[in-house]
Amino acid sequence: MLAGRLRCPRCALLYTPMLWRSFCTAIVVGTFLTAINQGNVLLQGEVPMALYWKIPLTYVVPFCVASWGALGNASRRA
């Protein structure tokens, strides 16, 4: 149930307000985590190849966690 309405799993995963909140969470949390974990390397100016997959994952994980939490919280209310 999202926004007071029961939704199928596919519809819930495409629910724009939830996706927007998850996106905003991912931007904030991902930026902090990137700065904490990779900041010194990025400030040196040399970006190793490993960071080309690590940095995007640093943003994907908070997006998935926020979405999972929203869906889990919504299903408990149903």
N, C-alpha and C. Protein backbone atom coordinates (compact mmCIF):
# COMPACT_ATOMS: atom_id res chain seq x y z
N MET A 1 0.85 -1.17 0.00
CA MET A 1 0.00 0.00 0.00
C MET A 1 0.90 1.24 0.00
N LEU A 2 0.73 2.08 -0.97
CA LEU A 2 1.43 3.35 -1.05
C LEU A 2 0.40 4.44 -1.29
N ALA A 3 0.55 5.54 -0.57
CA ALA A 3 -0.37 6.67 -0.68
C ALA A 3 -1.80 6.24 -0.41
N GLY A 4 -1.96 5.30 0.52
CA GLY A 4 -3.30 4.88 0.92
C GLY A 4 -4.00 3.95 -0.04
N ARG A 5 -3.29 3.50 -1.09
CA ARG A 5 -3.90 2.60 -2.07
C ARG A 5 -3.07 1.34 -2.20
N LEU A 6 -3.74 0.22 -2.32
CA LEU A 6 -3.06 -1.05 -2.52
C LEU A 6 -2.52 -1.08 -3.95
N ARG A 7 -1.25 -1.48 -4.11
CA ARG A 7 -0.62 -1.49 -5.43
C ARG A 7 0.03 -2.84 -5.69
N CYS A 8 0.07 -3.22 -6.96
CA CYS A 8 0.80 -4.43 -7.33
C CYS A 8 2.29 -4.15 -7.18
N PRO A 9 3.14 -5.19 -7.05
CA PRO A 9 4.57 -4.94 -6.87
C PRO A 9 5.20 -4.10 -8.00
N ARG A 10 4.82 -4.35 -9.23
CA ARG A 10 5.38 -3.58 -10.35
C ARG A 10 4.96 -2.12 -10.23
N CYS A 11 3.70 -1.87 -9.91
CA CYS A 11 3.22 -0.49 -9.77
C CYS A 11 3.91 0.20 -8.59
N ALA A 12 4.13 -0.54 -7.51
CA ALA A 12 4.80 0.05 -6.34
C ALA A 12 6.23 0.45 -6.69
N LEU A 13 6.90 -0.36 -7.49
CA LEU A 13 8.28 -0.04 -7.87
C LEU A 13 8.37 1.12 -8.84
N LEU A 14 7.26 1.47 -9.48
CA LEU A 14 7.23 2.59 -10.41
C LEU A 14 6.53 3.82 -9.83
N TYR A 15 6.23 3.79 -8.54
CA TYR A 15 5.54 4.88 -7.88
C TYR A 15 6.48 6.08 -7.76
N THR A 16 6.21 7.14 -8.52
CA THR A 16 7.10 8.27 -8.68
C THR A 16 7.49 8.97 -7.37
N PRO A 17 6.56 9.24 -6.44
CA PRO A 17 6.99 9.91 -5.20
C PRO A 17 7.99 9.09 -4.40
N MET A 18 7.81 7.79 -4.36
CA MET A 18 8.77 6.94 -3.65
C MET A 18 10.13 6.95 -4.35
N LEU A 19 10.10 6.85 -5.68
CA LEU A 19 11.36 6.86 -6.43
C LEU A 19 12.09 8.18 -6.24
N TRP A 20 11.36 9.27 -6.22
CA TRP A 20 11.97 10.59 -6.04
C TRP A 20 12.62 10.70 -4.66
N ARG A 21 11.91 10.24 -3.61
CA ARG A 21 12.49 10.26 -2.26
C ARG A 21 13.74 9.38 -2.19
N SER A 22 13.66 8.22 -2.80
CA SER A 22 14.82 7.31 -2.80
C SER A 22 15.99 7.93 -3.57
N PHE A 23 15.70 8.60 -4.67
CA PHE A 23 16.73 9.28 -5.45
C PHE A 23 17.41 10.37 -4.62
N CYS A 24 16.62 11.18 -3.96
CA CYS A 24 17.18 12.27 -3.13
C CYS A 24 18.03 11.71 -2.00
N THR A 25 17.55 10.63 -1.38
CA THR A 25 18.31 9.98 -0.32
C THR A 25 19.64 9.46 -0.87
N ALA A 26 19.59 8.85 -2.04
CA ALA A 26 20.81 8.30 -2.64
C ALA A 26 21.81 9.39 -2.96
N ILE A 27 21.34 10.54 -3.43
CA ILE A 27 22.25 11.64 -3.76
C ILE A 27 22.96 12.14 -2.50
N VAL A 28 22.21 12.36 -1.45
CA VAL A 28 22.80 12.89 -0.21
C VAL A 28 23.73 11.86 0.43
N VAL A 29 23.22 10.65 0.67
CA VAL A 29 24.01 9.63 1.34
C VAL A 29 25.19 9.19 0.47
N GLY A 30 24.95 9.00 -0.82
CA GLY A 30 26.02 8.59 -1.73
C GLY A 30 27.14 9.60 -1.79
N THR A 31 26.80 10.89 -1.78
CA THR A 31 27.82 11.93 -1.82
C THR A 31 28.67 11.92 -0.55
N PHE A 32 28.02 11.78 0.61
CA PHE A 32 28.76 11.71 1.86
C PHE A 32 29.67 10.48 1.89
N LEU A 33 29.14 9.33 1.48
CA LEU A 33 29.94 8.11 1.50
C LEU A 33 31.10 8.18 0.52
N THR A 34 30.87 8.76 -0.64
CA THR A 34 31.96 8.92 -1.61
C THR A 34 33.04 9.84 -1.05
N ALA A 35 32.63 10.92 -0.43
CA ALA A 35 33.60 11.85 0.16
C ALA A 35 34.39 11.18 1.28
N ILE A 36 33.72 10.39 2.10
CA ILE A 36 34.40 9.72 3.21
C ILE A 36 35.34 8.63 2.69
N ASN A 37 34.85 7.81 1.80
CA ASN A 37 35.61 6.63 1.37
C ASN A 37 36.62 6.91 0.26
N GLN A 38 36.30 7.81 -0.65
CA GLN A 38 37.16 8.02 -1.82
C GLN A 38 37.66 9.45 -1.94
N GLY A 39 37.34 10.30 -1.00
CA GLY A 39 37.68 11.72 -1.09
C GLY A 39 39.15 11.99 -1.29
N ASN A 40 40.01 11.30 -0.52
CA ASN A 40 41.45 11.56 -0.65
C ASN A 40 41.97 11.18 -2.03
N VAL A 41 41.45 10.09 -2.59
CA VAL A 41 41.88 9.66 -3.93
C VAL A 41 41.40 10.66 -4.98
N LEU A 42 40.15 11.11 -4.86
CA LEU A 42 39.61 12.06 -5.83
C LEU A 42 40.33 13.40 -5.76
N LEU A 43 40.70 13.83 -4.56
CA LEU A 43 41.41 15.10 -4.42
C LEU A 43 42.83 15.05 -4.98
N GLN A 44 43.41 13.87 -5.05
CA GLN A 44 44.75 13.73 -5.64
C GLN A 44 44.72 13.89 -7.15
N GLY A 45 43.56 13.70 -7.74
CA GLY A 45 43.42 13.92 -9.17
C GLY A 45 43.55 12.67 -10.03
N GLU A 46 44.11 11.62 -9.50
CA GLU A 46 44.22 10.37 -10.26
C GLU A 46 43.08 9.45 -9.84
N VAL A 47 42.27 9.09 -10.81
CA VAL A 47 41.11 8.24 -10.52
C VAL A 47 41.40 6.83 -11.04
N PRO A 48 41.61 5.86 -10.12
CA PRO A 48 41.85 4.49 -10.56
C PRO A 48 40.60 3.90 -11.23
N MET A 49 40.82 2.93 -12.09
CA MET A 49 39.72 2.28 -12.81
C MET A 49 38.68 1.69 -11.86
N ALA A 50 39.10 1.21 -10.70
CA ALA A 50 38.17 0.59 -9.75
C ALA A 50 37.08 1.57 -9.31
N LEU A 51 37.39 2.85 -9.28
CA LEU A 51 36.39 3.83 -8.84
C LEU A 51 35.27 4.02 -9.85
N TYR A 52 35.49 3.61 -11.09
CA TYR A 52 34.45 3.76 -12.10
C TYR A 52 33.26 2.84 -11.84
N TRP A 53 33.44 1.81 -11.03
CA TRP A 53 32.30 0.98 -10.65
C TRP A 53 31.96 1.16 -9.17
N LYS A 54 32.94 1.53 -8.34
CA LYS A 54 32.68 1.69 -6.92
C LYS A 54 31.81 2.92 -6.62
N ILE A 55 32.09 4.02 -7.28
CA ILE A 55 31.33 5.25 -7.00
C ILE A 55 29.87 5.11 -7.40
N PRO A 56 29.54 4.59 -8.58
CA PRO A 56 28.12 4.40 -8.88
C PRO A 56 27.42 3.46 -7.89
N LEU A 57 28.11 2.41 -7.45
CA LEU A 57 27.51 1.51 -6.46
C LEU A 57 27.27 2.22 -5.13
N THR A 58 28.11 3.20 -4.82
CA THR A 58 27.94 3.97 -3.59
C THR A 58 26.63 4.75 -3.62
N TYR A 59 26.12 5.05 -4.79
CA TYR A 59 24.83 5.72 -4.93
C TYR A 59 23.68 4.72 -5.08
N VAL A 60 23.93 3.60 -5.70
CA VAL A 60 22.87 2.60 -5.92
C VAL A 60 22.42 1.97 -4.61
N VAL A 61 23.36 1.69 -3.71
CA VAL A 61 23.01 1.01 -2.46
C VAL A 61 22.04 1.84 -1.62
N PRO A 62 22.28 3.13 -1.36
CA PRO A 62 21.29 3.89 -0.58
C PRO A 62 19.94 4.00 -1.29
N PHE A 63 19.96 4.06 -2.63
CA PHE A 63 18.69 4.09 -3.37
C PHE A 63 17.90 2.82 -3.11
N CYS A 64 18.56 1.68 -3.19
CA CYS A 64 17.88 0.40 -2.96
C CYS A 64 17.40 0.28 -1.52
N VAL A 65 18.22 0.70 -0.57
CA VAL A 65 17.83 0.62 0.84
C VAL A 65 16.63 1.51 1.12
N ALA A 66 16.63 2.72 0.60
CA ALA A 66 15.50 3.63 0.83
C ALA A 66 14.23 3.09 0.18
N SER A 67 14.34 2.54 -1.01
CA SER A 67 13.17 1.97 -1.69
C SER A 67 12.65 0.76 -0.95
N TRP A 68 13.56 -0.12 -0.53
CA TRP A 68 13.17 -1.31 0.21
C TRP A 68 12.48 -0.93 1.52
N GLY A 69 13.01 0.06 2.19
CA GLY A 69 12.40 0.51 3.44
C GLY A 69 11.01 1.09 3.22
N ALA A 70 10.85 1.87 2.17
CA ALA A 70 9.53 2.44 1.88
C ALA A 70 8.52 1.36 1.54
N LEU A 71 8.93 0.40 0.74
CA LEU A 71 8.02 -0.69 0.37
C LEU A 71 7.71 -1.58 1.57
N GLY A 72 8.72 -1.85 2.39
CA GLY A 72 8.49 -2.66 3.58
C GLY A 72 7.58 -1.97 4.58
N ASN A 73 7.78 -0.70 4.76
CA ASN A 73 6.94 0.06 5.68
C ASN A 73 5.51 0.15 5.16
N ALA A 74 5.34 0.32 3.86
CA ALA A 74 4.02 0.42 3.27
C ALA A 74 3.29 -0.92 3.37
N SER A 75 4.00 -2.04 3.22
CA SER A 75 3.33 -3.35 3.25
C SER A 75 2.91 -3.70 4.68
N ARG A 76 3.57 -3.19 5.70
CA ARG A 76 3.16 -3.48 7.08
C ARG A 76 1.85 -2.77 7.42
N ARG A 77 1.59 -1.67 6.77
CA ARG A 77 0.35 -0.92 7.04
C ARG A 77 -0.86 -1.57 6.37
N ALA A 78 -0.63 -2.39 5.37
CA ALA A 78 -1.74 -2.99 4.60
C ALA A 78 -2.52 -3.98 5.41
